[in-house]
Amino acid sequence: MREHQQAGFAIAAETADPSGPVIETERLRLRRHRLSDLEARIAITGDAHFMRFVGGVYDRQENWSRLLRYIGHWETLGYGLLAVEERASGRYIGDVGLARFERGLGADFDPFPEAGWMIAQTASGLGYATEGVAAAIDWHERTFGRQRQVCMIDPGNHASLGVAAKLGFVPLREALNRGHPVLLHERMPPRPLERD
């Protein structure tokens, strides 16, 4: 399989695998979701304390719907969230990527690729979210071109606010999403250097 090496991670050639990219970082493998991820997702999203910033616990039905939604993103838009596996263990530990969720938050947010991440409580604090989202952003920009990106974070989620800052997201404005306060952020990719 042909690979593209960039910024410390490899990206399998999209033509080699019609199901979507497989992105490997030093510690992670990012791939499209599979229905077989269901039980691992249920385990990750069943912890009320862990899920407090994203609307609460997801039951089996919600996890099933999300898996179908993530798979459908790739089928309709050619990009979306990716499943995250630890390379060393092969264990599914969450999701990262860019998607379009049509949240109804305005013209300065909805039409732009929205970065998202969720890494299992058992793998938190290891830098996996930053590593995975950086690789997903790089793939997205090489595939679709450099463009503005956005993300939405609960104001109390200090860990995710830190991830966003490390990735270059800056505060845009406050908003309500489904009646809950959120902080919207934006990221403007650096312009390529111009040559004389």
Protein backbone atom coordinates (compact mmCIF):
# COMPACT_ATOMS: atom_id res chain seq x y z
CA MET A 1 0.00 0.00 0.00
CA ARG A 2 1.33 3.43 -0.97
CA GLU A 3 1.65 5.87 1.92
CA HIS A 4 2.14 9.60 2.24
CA GLN A 5 4.46 10.65 5.07
CA GLN A 6 3.82 14.05 6.62
CA ALA A 7 4.21 15.65 10.04
CA GLY A 8 4.90 12.35 11.80
CA PHE A 9 2.03 10.27 10.47
CA ALA A 10 1.34 8.15 7.43
CA ILE A 11 -1.78 8.26 5.31
CA ALA A 12 -2.69 5.25 3.20
CA ALA A 13 -3.35 6.19 -0.41
CA GLU A 14 -7.06 6.74 -0.87
CA THR A 15 -7.01 4.85 -4.18
CA ALA A 16 -5.69 1.75 -2.42
CA ASP A 17 -8.71 1.48 -0.13
CA PRO A 18 -12.07 2.65 -1.51
CA SER A 19 -13.61 2.49 1.96
CA GLY A 20 -11.70 5.63 3.00
CA PRO A 21 -8.38 6.70 4.43
CA VAL A 22 -6.45 4.89 7.09
CA ILE A 23 -4.26 7.39 8.91
CA GLU A 24 -1.51 6.19 11.20
CA THR A 25 0.23 8.41 13.71
CA GLU A 26 2.97 7.30 16.05
CA ARG A 27 0.42 5.81 18.47
CA LEU A 28 -2.93 5.79 16.69
CA ARG A 29 -4.73 4.34 13.69
CA LEU A 30 -7.66 6.38 12.35
CA ARG A 31 -10.13 4.53 10.12
CA ARG A 32 -13.75 4.64 9.07
CA HIS A 33 -16.26 3.31 11.57
CA ARG A 34 -17.60 -0.22 11.34
CA LEU A 35 -20.80 -1.65 12.78
CA SER A 36 -18.58 -3.92 14.87
CA ASP A 37 -17.54 -0.79 16.87
CA LEU A 38 -20.97 -0.76 18.54
CA GLU A 39 -20.16 -2.62 21.77
CA ALA A 40 -16.96 -0.61 22.38
CA ARG A 41 -18.87 2.64 21.79
CA ILE A 42 -21.56 1.58 24.26
CA ALA A 43 -18.88 0.93 26.89
CA ILE A 44 -17.21 4.31 26.27
CA THR A 45 -20.42 6.36 26.23
CA GLY A 46 -22.07 4.64 29.19
CA ASP A 47 -20.16 6.65 31.83
CA ALA A 48 -22.31 9.60 32.98
CA HIS A 49 -19.36 11.56 34.39
CA PHE A 50 -17.37 11.17 31.16
CA MET A 51 -20.36 12.09 28.97
CA ARG A 52 -21.43 15.15 30.99
CA PHE A 53 -20.10 17.62 28.39
CA VAL A 54 -21.78 16.02 25.37
CA GLY A 55 -25.37 15.68 26.49
CA GLY A 56 -25.21 12.65 28.76
CA VAL A 57 -25.00 8.88 28.38
CA TYR A 58 -25.68 7.35 24.95
CA ASP A 59 -27.76 4.19 24.98
CA ARG A 60 -27.48 1.36 22.43
CA GLN A 61 -29.95 3.02 20.04
CA GLU A 62 -28.09 6.37 20.11
CA ASN A 63 -24.75 4.65 19.53
CA TRP A 64 -26.21 2.66 16.62
CA SER A 65 -27.63 5.85 15.09
CA ARG A 66 -24.30 7.64 15.47
CA LEU A 67 -22.40 4.80 13.80
CA LEU A 68 -24.79 4.95 10.85
CA ARG A 69 -24.45 8.74 10.76
CA TYR A 70 -20.65 8.55 10.77
CA ILE A 71 -20.66 5.95 7.99
CA GLY A 72 -23.17 8.05 6.04
CA HIS A 73 -21.00 11.16 6.28
CA TRP A 74 -18.28 9.39 4.31
CA GLU A 75 -20.76 8.06 1.77
CA THR A 76 -22.33 11.46 1.08
CA LEU A 77 -19.59 14.04 1.77
CA GLY A 78 -16.34 12.11 1.31
CA TYR A 79 -15.17 12.97 4.82
CA GLY A 80 -16.32 12.62 8.42
CA LEU A 81 -15.36 11.38 11.84
CA LEU A 82 -12.93 8.49 12.06
CA ALA A 83 -12.70 5.70 14.60
CA VAL A 84 -9.54 5.86 16.72
CA GLU A 85 -7.60 2.72 17.59
CA GLU A 86 -4.48 2.45 19.71
CA ARG A 87 -1.87 0.97 17.39
CA ALA A 88 -0.21 -1.02 20.16
CA SER A 89 -3.38 -2.73 21.40
CA GLY A 90 -5.79 -2.42 18.45
CA ARG A 91 -8.38 -1.18 20.96
CA TYR A 92 -11.10 1.22 19.74
CA ILE A 93 -10.88 4.30 21.98
CA GLY A 94 -13.04 6.97 20.38
CA ASP A 95 -13.61 9.27 17.42
CA VAL A 96 -11.89 12.24 15.81
CA GLY A 97 -12.27 14.12 12.55
CA LEU A 98 -14.22 16.77 10.71
CA ALA A 99 -17.89 16.59 9.82
CA ARG A 100 -20.90 18.71 8.92
CA PHE A 101 -23.68 18.50 11.51
CA GLU A 102 -26.05 21.31 10.40
CA ARG A 103 -26.57 22.47 13.98
CA GLY A 104 -28.44 25.66 13.09
CA LEU A 105 -25.82 27.84 14.78
CA GLY A 106 -25.45 30.36 11.96
CA ALA A 107 -23.71 31.13 8.70
CA ASP A 108 -20.40 31.68 10.51
CA PHE A 109 -20.47 28.08 11.81
CA ASP A 110 -22.73 25.57 10.04
CA PRO A 111 -21.27 25.51 6.50
CA PHE A 112 -17.70 24.89 7.68
CA PRO A 113 -16.04 21.57 8.52
CA GLU A 114 -16.54 21.02 12.25
CA ALA A 115 -13.74 19.31 14.14
CA GLY A 116 -14.84 16.84 16.77
CA TRP A 117 -13.17 14.45 19.17
CA MET A 118 -14.10 12.02 21.89
CA ILE A 119 -11.44 9.82 23.48
CA ALA A 120 -12.40 7.21 26.07
CA GLN A 121 -11.92 8.04 29.74
CA THR A 122 -9.50 5.09 29.97
CA ALA A 123 -7.22 6.78 27.40
CA SER A 124 -7.61 10.42 28.49
CA GLY A 125 -4.66 12.62 29.36
CA LEU A 126 -2.32 10.92 26.87
CA GLY A 127 -2.57 13.51 24.10
CA TYR A 128 -4.51 11.19 21.80
CA ALA A 129 -7.19 13.77 20.95
CA THR A 130 -4.63 16.36 19.83
CA GLU A 131 -2.61 13.76 17.90
CA GLY A 132 -5.66 12.30 16.18
CA VAL A 133 -7.39 15.55 15.29
CA ALA A 134 -4.14 17.05 13.94
CA ALA A 135 -3.77 14.05 11.62
CA ALA A 136 -7.43 14.24 10.52
CA ILE A 137 -7.13 17.98 9.82
CA ASP A 138 -3.98 17.40 7.78
CA TRP A 139 -5.74 14.72 5.69
CA HIS A 140 -8.79 16.96 5.20
CA GLU A 141 -6.70 19.96 4.11
CA ARG A 142 -4.64 17.90 1.66
CA THR A 143 -7.81 16.36 0.23
CA PHE A 144 -10.12 19.41 0.12
CA GLY A 145 -7.70 22.34 0.39
CA ARG A 146 -6.99 24.71 3.23
CA GLN A 147 -10.15 26.22 4.64
CA ARG A 148 -11.66 27.61 7.81
CA GLN A 149 -12.72 25.02 10.38
CA VAL A 150 -14.88 25.31 13.47
CA CYS A 151 -15.56 23.40 16.67
CA MET A 152 -18.07 23.56 19.54
CA ILE A 153 -17.11 22.94 23.18
CA ASP A 154 -18.97 22.98 26.48
CA PRO A 155 -17.54 25.89 28.55
CA GLY A 156 -16.79 23.53 31.44
CA ASN A 157 -14.79 21.08 29.33
CA HIS A 158 -11.32 22.42 30.11
CA ALA A 159 -9.56 19.42 28.58
CA SER A 160 -11.25 19.98 25.19
CA LEU A 161 -10.64 23.72 25.38
CA GLY A 162 -6.94 22.88 25.80
CA VAL A 163 -7.02 20.52 22.80
CA ALA A 164 -8.68 23.21 20.68
CA ALA A 165 -6.04 25.79 21.65
CA LYS A 166 -3.19 23.37 20.82
CA LEU A 167 -4.73 22.82 17.38
CA GLY A 168 -4.96 26.56 16.68
CA PHE A 169 -8.68 27.09 17.32
CA VAL A 170 -9.57 30.47 18.81
CA PRO A 171 -12.84 31.58 20.42
CA LEU A 172 -15.48 32.82 18.01
CA ARG A 173 -18.57 33.39 20.17
CA GLU A 174 -20.94 31.89 22.71
CA ALA A 175 -24.08 30.08 21.56
CA LEU A 176 -26.80 27.67 22.65
CA ASN A 177 -26.91 24.17 21.24
CA ARG A 178 -30.12 22.32 22.12
CA GLY A 179 -30.60 24.71 25.02
CA HIS A 180 -27.10 24.23 26.47
CA PRO A 181 -24.42 26.95 26.44
CA VAL A 182 -21.44 26.21 24.19
CA LEU A 183 -18.34 28.05 23.05
CA LEU A 184 -17.81 28.18 19.31
CA HIS A 185 -14.26 28.29 17.99
CA GLU A 186 -12.68 28.79 14.58
CA ARG A 187 -9.37 27.87 13.02
CA MET A 188 -7.91 29.61 10.02
CA PRO A 189 -5.20 27.43 8.48
CA PRO A 190 -1.93 29.25 7.88
CA ARG A 191 -1.44 30.45 4.34
CA PRO A 192 1.29 28.71 2.37
CA LEU A 193 4.48 30.72 1.98
CA GLU A 194 4.57 32.74 -1.21
CA ARG A 195 7.67 32.46 -3.37
CA ASP A 196 9.23 35.45 -5.11
